[in-house]
Amino acid sequence: MNIELLSDRILVEQEKAESKTPGGIVLPDVAKKRLHRGKVLAVGPGRMESATRTPMTVKKEQTIYYSPYSGNEIEIDRQQYVILTEGDVLAIVKD
């Protein structure tokens, strides 16, 4: 994948929703909840403010939680991704 993000943008690969309930019931696609968690694949250089670039807090390879209904879904090579701004990120998952 060859993509260059601008400003404070973040490219995220969403985690897949569970296909079964804890009791073993298989869920159809329409019943699966969209997860608001994913792995950061790429980050932009940071936002420009008053001729100074603010460095990004989120780094590549981190797992994050982000706001519902935020970002833009895109498709690259038949794979779904979400592009967010750093302000849409709610938390970084620590290992």
PDB file of N, CA and C in Angstrom:
ATOM      1  N   MET A   1       0.846  -1.163   0.000  1.00  0.00           N
ATOM      2  CA  MET A   1       0.000   0.000   0.000  1.00  0.00           C
ATOM      3  C   MET A   1       0.899   1.236   0.000  1.00  0.00           C
ATOM      4  N   ASN A   2       0.632   2.141  -0.909  1.00  0.00           N
ATOM      5  CA  ASN A   2       1.423   3.350  -1.037  1.00  0.00           C
ATOM      6  C   ASN A   2       0.502   4.542  -0.810  1.00  0.00           C
ATOM      7  N   ILE A   3       0.516   5.099   0.398  1.00  0.00           N
ATOM      8  CA  ILE A   3      -0.361   6.214   0.741  1.00  0.00           C
ATOM      9  C   ILE A   3       0.392   7.185   1.648  1.00  0.00           C
ATOM     10  N   GLU A   4       0.223   8.462   1.387  1.00  0.00           N
ATOM     11  CA  GLU A   4       0.839   9.499   2.213  1.00  0.00           C
ATOM     12  C   GLU A   4      -0.279  10.327   2.824  1.00  0.00           C
ATOM     13  N   LEU A   5      -0.342  10.317   4.148  1.00  0.00           N
ATOM     14  CA  LEU A   5      -1.380  11.058   4.852  1.00  0.00           C
ATOM     15  C   LEU A   5      -0.936  12.490   5.102  1.00  0.00           C
ATOM     16  N   LEU A   6      -1.882  13.401   5.092  1.00  0.00           N
ATOM     17  CA  LEU A   6      -1.604  14.808   5.302  1.00  0.00           C
ATOM     18  C   LEU A   6      -2.024  15.240   6.699  1.00  0.00           C
ATOM     19  N   SER A   7      -1.400  16.285   7.196  1.00  0.00           N
ATOM     20  CA  SER A   7      -1.755  16.916   8.458  1.00  0.00           C
ATOM     21  C   SER A   7      -1.794  15.896   9.598  1.00  0.00           C
ATOM     22  N   ASP A   8      -2.873  15.894  10.371  1.00  0.00           N
ATOM     23  CA  ASP A   8      -2.974  15.008  11.535  1.00  0.00           C
ATOM     24  C   ASP A   8      -3.870  13.805  11.252  1.00  0.00           C
ATOM     25  N   ARG A   9      -3.798  13.267  10.039  1.00  0.00           N
ATOM     26  CA  ARG A   9      -4.620  12.134   9.635  1.00  0.00           C
ATOM     27  C   ARG A   9      -3.969  10.805  10.051  1.00  0.00           C
ATOM     28  N   ILE A  10      -4.826   9.808  10.300  1.00  0.00           N
ATOM     29  CA  ILE A  10      -4.383   8.486  10.742  1.00  0.00           C
ATOM     30  C   ILE A  10      -5.116   7.432   9.920  1.00  0.00           C
ATOM     31  N   LEU A  11      -4.398   6.452   9.380  1.00  0.00           N
ATOM     32  CA  LEU A  11      -5.000   5.345   8.651  1.00  0.00           C
ATOM     33  C   LEU A  11      -5.112   4.163   9.604  1.00  0.00           C
ATOM     34  N   VAL A  12      -6.347   3.645   9.757  1.00  0.00           N
ATOM     35  CA  VAL A  12      -6.620   2.595  10.739  1.00  0.00           C
ATOM     36  C   VAL A  12      -7.258   1.391  10.053  1.00  0.00           C
ATOM     37  N   GLU A  13      -6.786   0.206  10.424  1.00  0.00           N
ATOM     38  CA  GLU A  13      -7.427  -1.034  10.015  1.00  0.00           C
ATOM     39  C   GLU A  13      -8.333  -1.464  11.165  1.00  0.00           C
ATOM     40  N   GLN A  14      -9.645  -1.478  10.911  1.00  0.00           N
ATOM     41  CA  GLN A  14     -10.602  -1.834  11.950  1.00  0.00           C
ATOM     42  C   GLN A  14     -10.459  -3.287  12.355  1.00  0.00           C
ATOM     43  N   GLU A  15     -10.670  -3.551  13.657  1.00  0.00           N
ATOM     44  CA  GLU A  15     -10.729  -4.932  14.107  1.00  0.00           C
ATOM     45  C   GLU A  15     -12.037  -5.532  13.637  1.00  0.00           C
ATOM     46  N   LYS A  16     -12.017  -6.803  13.373  1.00  0.00           N
ATOM     47  CA  LYS A  16     -13.204  -7.502  12.896  1.00  0.00           C
ATOM     48  C   LYS A  16     -14.167  -7.746  14.054  1.00  0.00           C
ATOM     49  N   ALA A  17     -15.457  -7.619  13.778  1.00  0.00           N
ATOM     50  CA  ALA A  17     -16.490  -7.894  14.770  1.00  0.00           C
ATOM     51  C   ALA A  17     -16.589  -9.400  14.985  1.00  0.00           C
ATOM     52  N   GLU A  18     -16.993  -9.772  16.174  1.00  0.00           N
ATOM     53  CA  GLU A  18     -17.160 -11.182  16.498  1.00  0.00           C
ATOM     54  C   GLU A  18     -18.244 -11.802  15.616  1.00  0.00           C
ATOM     55  N   SER A  19     -18.006 -13.003  15.141  1.00  0.00           N
ATOM     56  CA  SER A  19     -18.992 -13.665  14.292  1.00  0.00           C
ATOM     57  C   SER A  19     -19.864 -14.641  15.079  1.00  0.00           C
ATOM     58  N   LYS A  20     -19.518 -14.873  16.346  1.00  0.00           N
ATOM     59  CA  LYS A  20     -20.301 -15.747  17.215  1.00  0.00           C
ATOM     60  C   LYS A  20     -20.496 -15.078  18.571  1.00  0.00           C
ATOM     61  N   THR A  21     -21.604 -15.400  19.207  1.00  0.00           N
ATOM     62  CA  THR A  21     -21.847 -14.937  20.573  1.00  0.00           C
ATOM     63  C   THR A  21     -21.074 -15.853  21.524  1.00  0.00           C
ATOM     64  N   PRO A  22     -20.915 -15.452  22.792  1.00  0.00           N
ATOM     65  CA  PRO A  22     -20.251 -16.346  23.747  1.00  0.00           C
ATOM     66  C   PRO A  22     -20.944 -17.700  23.884  1.00  0.00           C
ATOM     67  N   GLY A  23     -22.252 -17.755  23.585  1.00  0.00           N
ATOM     68  CA  GLY A  23     -22.987 -19.014  23.646  1.00  0.00           C
ATOM     69  C   GLY A  23     -22.858 -19.863  22.396  1.00  0.00           C
ATOM     70  N   GLY A  24     -22.165 -19.366  21.360  1.00  0.00           N
ATOM     71  CA  GLY A  24     -21.921 -20.135  20.157  1.00  0.00           C
ATOM     72  C   GLY A  24     -22.874 -19.863  19.006  1.00  0.00           C
ATOM     73  N   ILE A  25     -23.759 -18.866  19.146  1.00  0.00           N
ATOM     74  CA  ILE A  25     -24.698 -18.541  18.075  1.00  0.00           C
ATOM     75  C   ILE A  25     -23.969 -17.737  17.003  1.00  0.00           C
ATOM     76  N   VAL A  26     -24.091 -18.159  15.748  1.00  0.00           N
ATOM     77  CA  VAL A  26     -23.448 -17.465  14.631  1.00  0.00           C
ATOM     78  C   VAL A  26     -24.276 -16.228  14.284  1.00  0.00           C
ATOM     79  N   LEU A  27     -23.606 -15.085  14.214  1.00  0.00           N
ATOM     80  CA  LEU A  27     -24.287 -13.822  13.924  1.00  0.00           C
ATOM     81  C   LEU A  27     -24.230 -13.507  12.431  1.00  0.00           C
ATOM     82  N   PRO A  28     -25.357 -13.078  11.842  1.00  0.00           N
ATOM     83  CA  PRO A  28     -25.315 -12.611  10.455  1.00  0.00           C
ATOM     84  C   PRO A  28     -24.620 -11.253  10.388  1.00  0.00           C
ATOM     85  N   ASP A  29     -24.172 -10.850   9.211  1.00  0.00           N
ATOM     86  CA  ASP A  29     -23.441  -9.595   9.053  1.00  0.00           C
ATOM     87  C   ASP A  29     -24.213  -8.388   9.570  1.00  0.00           C
ATOM     88  N   VAL A  30     -25.540  -8.361   9.376  1.00  0.00           N
ATOM     89  CA  VAL A  30     -26.326  -7.198   9.801  1.00  0.00           C
ATOM     90  C   VAL A  30     -26.418  -7.080  11.316  1.00  0.00           C
ATOM     91  N   ALA A  31     -26.182  -8.153  12.051  1.00  0.00           N
ATOM     92  CA  ALA A  31     -26.272  -8.133  13.507  1.00  0.00           C
ATOM     93  C   ALA A  31     -24.939  -7.798  14.178  1.00  0.00           C
ATOM     94  N   LYS A  32     -23.866  -7.801  13.408  1.00  0.00           N
ATOM     95  CA  LYS A  32     -22.554  -7.514  13.981  1.00  0.00           C
ATOM     96  C   LYS A  32     -22.415  -6.020  14.241  1.00  0.00           C
ATOM     97  N   LYS A  33     -21.866  -5.682  15.394  1.00  0.00           N
ATOM     98  CA  LYS A  33     -21.632  -4.284  15.725  1.00  0.00           C
ATOM     99  C   LYS A  33     -20.318  -3.821  15.103  1.00  0.00           C
ATOM    100  N   ARG A  34     -20.318  -2.595  14.628  1.00  0.00           N
ATOM    101  CA  ARG A  34     -19.084  -2.014  14.108  1.00  0.00           C
ATOM    102  C   ARG A  34     -18.197  -1.661  15.300  1.00  0.00           C
ATOM    103  N   LEU A  35     -16.996  -2.203  15.312  1.00  0.00           N
ATOM    104  CA  LEU A  35     -16.080  -1.910  16.408  1.00  0.00           C
ATOM    105  C   LEU A  35     -15.400  -0.570  16.175  1.00  0.00           C
ATOM    106  N   HIS A  36     -15.125   0.124  17.230  1.00  0.00           N
ATOM    107  CA  HIS A  36     -14.455   1.419  17.157  1.00  0.00           C
ATOM    108  C   HIS A  36     -13.047   1.282  17.737  1.00  0.00           C
ATOM    109  N   ARG A  37     -12.393   0.225  17.301  1.00  0.00           N
ATOM    110  CA  ARG A  37     -11.043  -0.090  17.739  1.00  0.00           C
ATOM    111  C   ARG A  37     -10.292  -0.587  16.517  1.00  0.00           C
ATOM    112  N   GLY A  38      -9.009  -0.238  16.430  1.00  0.00           N
ATOM    113  CA  GLY A  38      -8.245  -0.700  15.286  1.00  0.00           C
ATOM    114  C   GLY A  38      -6.763  -0.466  15.454  1.00  0.00           C
ATOM    115  N   LYS A  39      -6.018  -0.955  14.469  1.00  0.00           N
ATOM    116  CA  LYS A  39      -4.557  -0.846  14.456  1.00  0.00           C
ATOM    117  C   LYS A  39      -4.150   0.287  13.527  1.00  0.00           C
ATOM    118  N   VAL A  40      -3.262   1.133  13.998  1.00  0.00           N
ATOM    119  CA  VAL A  40      -2.769   2.264  13.212  1.00  0.00           C
ATOM    120  C   VAL A  40      -1.753   1.757  12.200  1.00  0.00           C
ATOM    121  N   LEU A  41      -2.014   2.025  10.924  1.00  0.00           N
ATOM    122  CA  LEU A  41      -1.111   1.585   9.852  1.00  0.00           C
ATOM    123  C   LEU A  41      -0.188   2.697   9.375  1.00  0.00           C
ATOM    124  N   ALA A  42      -0.663   3.948   9.457  1.00  0.00           N
ATOM    125  CA  ALA A  42       0.144   5.090   9.010  1.00  0.00           C
ATOM    126  C   ALA A  42      -0.366   6.349   9.690  1.00  0.00           C
ATOM    127  N   VAL A  43       0.526   7.312   9.884  1.00  0.00           N
ATOM    128  CA  VAL A  43       0.155   8.603  10.459  1.00  0.00           C
ATOM    129  C   VAL A  43       0.747   9.728   9.623  1.00  0.00           C
ATOM    130  N   GLY A  44       0.073  10.854   9.625  1.00  0.00           N
ATOM    131  CA  GLY A  44       0.571  12.036   8.936  1.00  0.00           C
ATOM    132  C   GLY A  44       1.657  12.722   9.759  1.00  0.00           C
ATOM    133  N   PRO A  45       2.210  13.802   9.234  1.00  0.00           N
ATOM    134  CA  PRO A  45       3.305  14.484   9.915  1.00  0.00           C
ATOM    135  C   PRO A  45       2.881  15.311  11.124  1.00  0.00           C
ATOM    136  N   GLY A  46       1.605  15.632  11.249  1.00  0.00           N
ATOM    137  CA  GLY A  46       1.126  16.453  12.367  1.00  0.00           C
ATOM    138  C   GLY A  46       0.471  17.722  11.865  1.00  0.00           C
ATOM    139  N   ARG A  47      -0.295  18.349  12.718  1.00  0.00           N
ATOM    140  CA  ARG A  47      -1.052  19.548  12.368  1.00  0.00           C
ATOM    141  C   ARG A  47      -0.160  20.797  12.441  1.00  0.00           C
ATOM    142  N   MET A  48      -0.354  21.703  11.472  1.00  0.00           N
ATOM    143  CA  MET A  48       0.365  22.975  11.467  1.00  0.00           C
ATOM    144  C   MET A  48      -0.440  24.013  12.246  1.00  0.00           C
ATOM    145  N   GLU A  49       0.195  24.633  13.244  1.00  0.00           N
ATOM    146  CA  GLU A  49      -0.428  25.698  14.028  1.00  0.00           C
ATOM    147  C   GLU A  49       0.579  26.822  14.193  1.00  0.00           C
ATOM    148  N   SER A  50       0.222  27.985  13.718  1.00  0.00           N
ATOM    149  CA  SER A  50       1.089  29.171  13.835  1.00  0.00           C
ATOM    150  C   SER A  50       2.488  28.896  13.297  1.00  0.00           C
ATOM    151  N   ALA A  51       2.568  28.329  12.112  1.00  0.00           N
ATOM    152  CA  ALA A  51       3.829  28.022  11.429  1.00  0.00           C
ATOM    153  C   ALA A  51       4.697  27.020  12.181  1.00  0.00           C
ATOM    154  N   THR A  52       4.101  26.275  13.114  1.00  0.00           N
ATOM    155  CA  THR A  52       4.813  25.239  13.857  1.00  0.00           C
ATOM    156  C   THR A  52       4.042  23.932  13.719  1.00  0.00           C
ATOM    157  N   ARG A  53       4.747  22.857  13.434  1.00  0.00           N
ATOM    158  CA  ARG A  53       4.089  21.556  13.303  1.00  0.00           C
ATOM    159  C   ARG A  53       4.006  20.892  14.676  1.00  0.00           C
ATOM    160  N   THR A  54       2.786  20.508  15.070  1.00  0.00           N
ATOM    161  CA  THR A  54       2.557  19.796  16.324  1.00  0.00           C
ATOM    162  C   THR A  54       2.781  18.308  16.076  1.00  0.00           C
ATOM    163  N   PRO A  55       3.691  17.674  16.808  1.00  0.00           N
ATOM    164  CA  PRO A  55       3.960  16.253  16.555  1.00  0.00           C
ATOM    165  C   PRO A  55       2.759  15.377  16.921  1.00  0.00           C
ATOM    166  N   MET A  56       2.657  14.241  16.264  1.00  0.00           N
ATOM    167  CA  MET A  56       1.562  13.311  16.506  1.00  0.00           C
ATOM    168  C   MET A  56       1.798  12.521  17.796  1.00  0.00           C
ATOM    169  N   THR A  57       0.734  12.327  18.564  1.00  0.00           N
ATOM    170  CA  THR A  57       0.789  11.506  19.768  1.00  0.00           C
ATOM    171  C   THR A  57       0.652  10.038  19.401  1.00  0.00           C
ATOM    172  N   VAL A  58      -0.220   9.756  18.439  1.00  0.00           N
ATOM    173  CA  VAL A  58      -0.461   8.384  17.988  1.00  0.00           C
ATOM    174  C   VAL A  58       0.659   7.957  17.044  1.00  0.00           C
ATOM    175  N   LYS A  59       1.140   6.742  17.243  1.00  0.00           N
ATOM    176  CA  LYS A  59       2.233   6.210  16.434  1.00  0.00           C
ATOM    177  C   LYS A  59       1.775   4.972  15.655  1.00  0.00           C
ATOM    178  N   LYS A  60       2.494   4.675  14.598  1.00  0.00           N
ATOM    179  CA  LYS A  60       2.243   3.491  13.777  1.00  0.00           C
ATOM    180  C   LYS A  60       2.334   2.233  14.642  1.00  0.00           C
ATOM    181  N   GLU A  61       1.494   1.243  14.350  1.00  0.00           N
ATOM    182  CA  GLU A  61       1.446  -0.064  15.012  1.00  0.00           C
ATOM    183  C   GLU A  61       0.706  -0.047  16.360  1.00  0.00           C
ATOM    184  N   GLN A  62       0.247   1.108  16.844  1.00  0.00           N
ATOM    185  CA  GLN A  62      -0.511   1.141  18.084  1.00  0.00           C
ATOM    186  C   GLN A  62      -1.959   0.728  17.826  1.00  0.00           C
ATOM    187  N   THR A  63      -2.618   0.240  18.864  1.00  0.00           N
ATOM    188  CA  THR A  63      -4.044  -0.062  18.803  1.00  0.00           C
ATOM    189  C   THR A  63      -4.774   1.072  19.507  1.00  0.00           C
ATOM    190  N   ILE A  64      -5.832   1.572  18.866  1.00  0.00           N
ATOM    191  CA  ILE A  64      -6.550   2.723  19.404  1.00  0.00           C
ATOM    192  C   ILE A  64      -8.057   2.457  19.460  1.00  0.00           C
ATOM    193  N   TYR A  65      -8.738   3.237  20.303  1.00  0.00           N
ATOM    194  CA  TYR A  65     -10.190   3.351  20.281  1.00  0.00           C
ATOM    195  C   TYR A  65     -10.501   4.722  19.712  1.00  0.00           C
ATOM    196  N   TYR A  66     -11.539   4.813  18.883  1.00  0.00           N
ATOM    197  CA  TYR A  66     -11.892   6.100  18.290  1.00  0.00           C
ATOM    198  C   TYR A  66     -13.389   6.344  18.370  1.00  0.00           C
ATOM    199  N   SER A  67     -13.792   7.576  18.166  1.00  0.00           N
ATOM    200  CA  SER A  67     -15.183   7.988  18.292  1.00  0.00           C
ATOM    201  C   SER A  67     -16.069   7.289  17.266  1.00  0.00           C
ATOM    202  N   PRO A  68     -17.280   6.898  17.697  1.00  0.00           N
ATOM    203  CA  PRO A  68     -18.235   6.350  16.731  1.00  0.00           C
ATOM    204  C   PRO A  68     -18.607   7.414  15.703  1.00  0.00           C
ATOM    205  N   TYR A  69     -18.894   7.015  14.509  1.00  0.00           N
ATOM    206  CA  TYR A  69     -19.317   7.892  13.413  1.00  0.00           C
ATOM    207  C   TYR A  69     -18.237   8.888  12.990  1.00  0.00           C
ATOM    208  N   SER A  70     -16.992   8.654  13.377  1.00  0.00           N
ATOM    209  CA  SER A  70     -15.921   9.567  12.977  1.00  0.00           C
ATOM    210  C   SER A  70     -15.137   8.968  11.824  1.00  0.00           C
ATOM    211  N   GLY A  71     -14.407   9.805  11.144  1.00  0.00           N
ATOM    212  CA  GLY A  71     -13.542   9.345  10.072  1.00  0.00           C
ATOM    213  C   GLY A  71     -14.264   9.059   8.776  1.00  0.00           C
ATOM    214  N   ASN A  72     -13.493   8.650   7.808  1.00  0.00           N
ATOM    215  CA  ASN A  72     -14.000   8.307   6.479  1.00  0.00           C
ATOM    216  C   ASN A  72     -13.545   6.910   6.127  1.00  0.00           C
ATOM    217  N   GLU A  73     -14.488   6.064   5.727  1.00  0.00           N
ATOM    218  CA  GLU A  73     -14.143   4.716   5.312  1.00  0.00           C
ATOM    219  C   GLU A  73     -13.672   4.748   3.865  1.00  0.00           C
ATOM    220  N   ILE A  74     -12.567   4.057   3.605  1.00  0.00           N
ATOM    221  CA  ILE A  74     -12.032   3.964   2.247  1.00  0.00           C
ATOM    222  C   ILE A  74     -11.707   2.513   1.946  1.00  0.00           C
ATOM    223  N   GLU A  75     -11.528   2.215   0.669  1.00  0.00           N
ATOM    224  CA  GLU A  75     -11.153   0.863   0.254  1.00  0.00           C
ATOM    225  C   GLU A  75      -9.872   0.949  -0.569  1.00  0.00           C
ATOM    226  N   ILE A  76      -8.883   0.171  -0.168  1.00  0.00           N
ATOM    227  CA  ILE A  76      -7.615   0.091  -0.892  1.00  0.00           C
ATOM    228  C   ILE A  76      -7.333  -1.385  -1.115  1.00  0.00           C
ATOM    229  N   ASP A  77      -7.148  -1.780  -2.366  1.00  0.00           N
ATOM    230  CA  ASP A  77      -6.872  -3.178  -2.711  1.00  0.00           C
ATOM    231  C   ASP A  77      -7.904  -4.129  -2.093  1.00  0.00           C
ATOM    232  N   ARG A  78      -9.172  -3.768  -2.206  1.00  0.00           N
ATOM    233  CA  ARG A  78     -10.306  -4.564  -1.703  1.00  0.00           C
ATOM    234  C   ARG A  78     -10.289  -4.753  -0.199  1.00  0.00           C
ATOM    235  N   GLN A  79      -9.616  -3.886   0.518  1.00  0.00           N
ATOM    236  CA  GLN A  79      -9.547  -3.928   1.978  1.00  0.00           C
ATOM    237  C   GLN A  79     -10.135  -2.630   2.521  1.00  0.00           C
ATOM    238  N   GLN A  80     -10.964  -2.719   3.563  1.00  0.00           N
ATOM    239  CA  GLN A  80     -11.604  -1.547   4.153  1.00  0.00           C
ATOM    240  C   GLN A  80     -10.709  -0.931   5.231  1.00  0.00           C
ATOM    241  N   TYR A  81     -10.598   0.397   5.214  1.00  0.00           N
ATOM    242  CA  TYR A  81      -9.832   1.148   6.199  1.00  0.00           C
ATOM    243  C   TYR A  81     -10.624   2.372   6.614  1.00  0.00           C
ATOM    244  N   VAL A  82     -10.177   3.023   7.690  1.00  0.00           N
ATOM    245  CA  VAL A  82     -10.781   4.268   8.149  1.00  0.00           C
ATOM    246  C   VAL A  82      -9.672   5.305   8.262  1.00  0.00           C
ATOM    247  N   ILE A  83      -9.935   6.514   7.746  1.00  0.00           N
ATOM    248  CA  ILE A  83      -9.011   7.625   7.937  1.00  0.00           C
ATOM    249  C   ILE A  83      -9.636   8.562   8.961  1.00  0.00           C
ATOM    250  N   LEU A  84      -8.904   8.818  10.044  1.00  0.00           N
ATOM    251  CA  LEU A  84      -9.360   9.656  11.147  1.00  0.00           C
ATOM    252  C   LEU A  84      -8.426  10.844  11.317  1.00  0.00           C
ATOM    253  N   THR A  85      -8.868  11.828  12.072  1.00  0.00           N
ATOM    254  CA  THR A  85      -7.951  12.855  12.547  1.00  0.00           C
ATOM    255  C   THR A  85      -7.531  12.468  13.960  1.00  0.00           C
ATOM    256  N   GLU A  86      -6.441  13.001  14.422  1.00  0.00           N
ATOM    257  CA  GLU A  86      -5.963  12.647  15.763  1.00  0.00           C
ATOM    258  C   GLU A  86      -6.980  13.027  16.835  1.00  0.00           C
ATOM    259  N   GLY A  87      -7.778  14.045  16.581  1.00  0.00           N
ATOM    260  CA  GLY A  87      -8.813  14.447  17.530  1.00  0.00           C
ATOM    261  C   GLY A  87      -9.925  13.425  17.700  1.00  0.00           C
ATOM    262  N   ASP A  88     -10.085  12.505  16.744  1.00  0.00           N
ATOM    263  CA  ASP A  88     -11.102  11.452  16.836  1.00  0.00           C
ATOM    264  C   ASP A  88     -10.656  10.293  17.733  1.00  0.00           C
ATOM    265  N   VAL A  89      -9.381  10.227  18.070  1.00  0.00           N
ATOM    266  CA  VAL A  89      -8.853   9.127  18.876  1.00  0.00           C
ATOM    267  C   VAL A  89      -9.211   9.368  20.346  1.00  0.00           C
ATOM    268  N   LEU A  90      -9.835   8.361  20.957  1.00  0.00           N
ATOM    269  CA  LEU A  90     -10.242   8.457  22.350  1.00  0.00           C
ATOM    270  C   LEU A  90      -9.176   7.923  23.304  1.00  0.00           C
ATOM    271  N   ALA A  91      -8.508   6.835  22.899  1.00  0.00           N
ATOM    272  CA  ALA A  91      -7.519   6.203  23.777  1.00  0.00           C
ATOM    273  C   ALA A  91      -6.556   5.347  22.962  1.00  0.00           C
ATOM    274  N   ILE A  92      -5.374   5.179  23.524  1.00  0.00           N
ATOM    275  CA  ILE A  92      -4.368   4.276  22.967  1.00  0.00           C
ATOM    276  C   ILE A  92      -4.278   3.073  23.910  1.00  0.00           C
ATOM    277  N   VAL A  93      -4.362   1.880  23.357  1.00  0.00           N
ATOM    278  CA  VAL A  93      -4.312   0.660  24.151  1.00  0.00           C
ATOM    279  C   VAL A  93      -2.853   0.365  24.503  1.00  0.00           C
ATOM    280  N   LYS A  94      -2.589   0.236  25.784  1.00  0.00           N
ATOM    281  CA  LYS A  94      -1.220  -0.090  26.247  1.00  0.00           C
ATOM    282  C   LYS A  94      -1.126  -1.592  26.427  1.00  0.00           C
ATOM    283  N   ASP A  95      -0.013  -2.179  25.989  1.00  0.00           N
ATOM    284  CA  ASP A  95       0.166  -3.644  26.099  1.00  0.00           C
ATOM    285  C   ASP A  95       0.540  -4.044  27.495  1.00  0.00           C
TER     286      ASP A  95
END
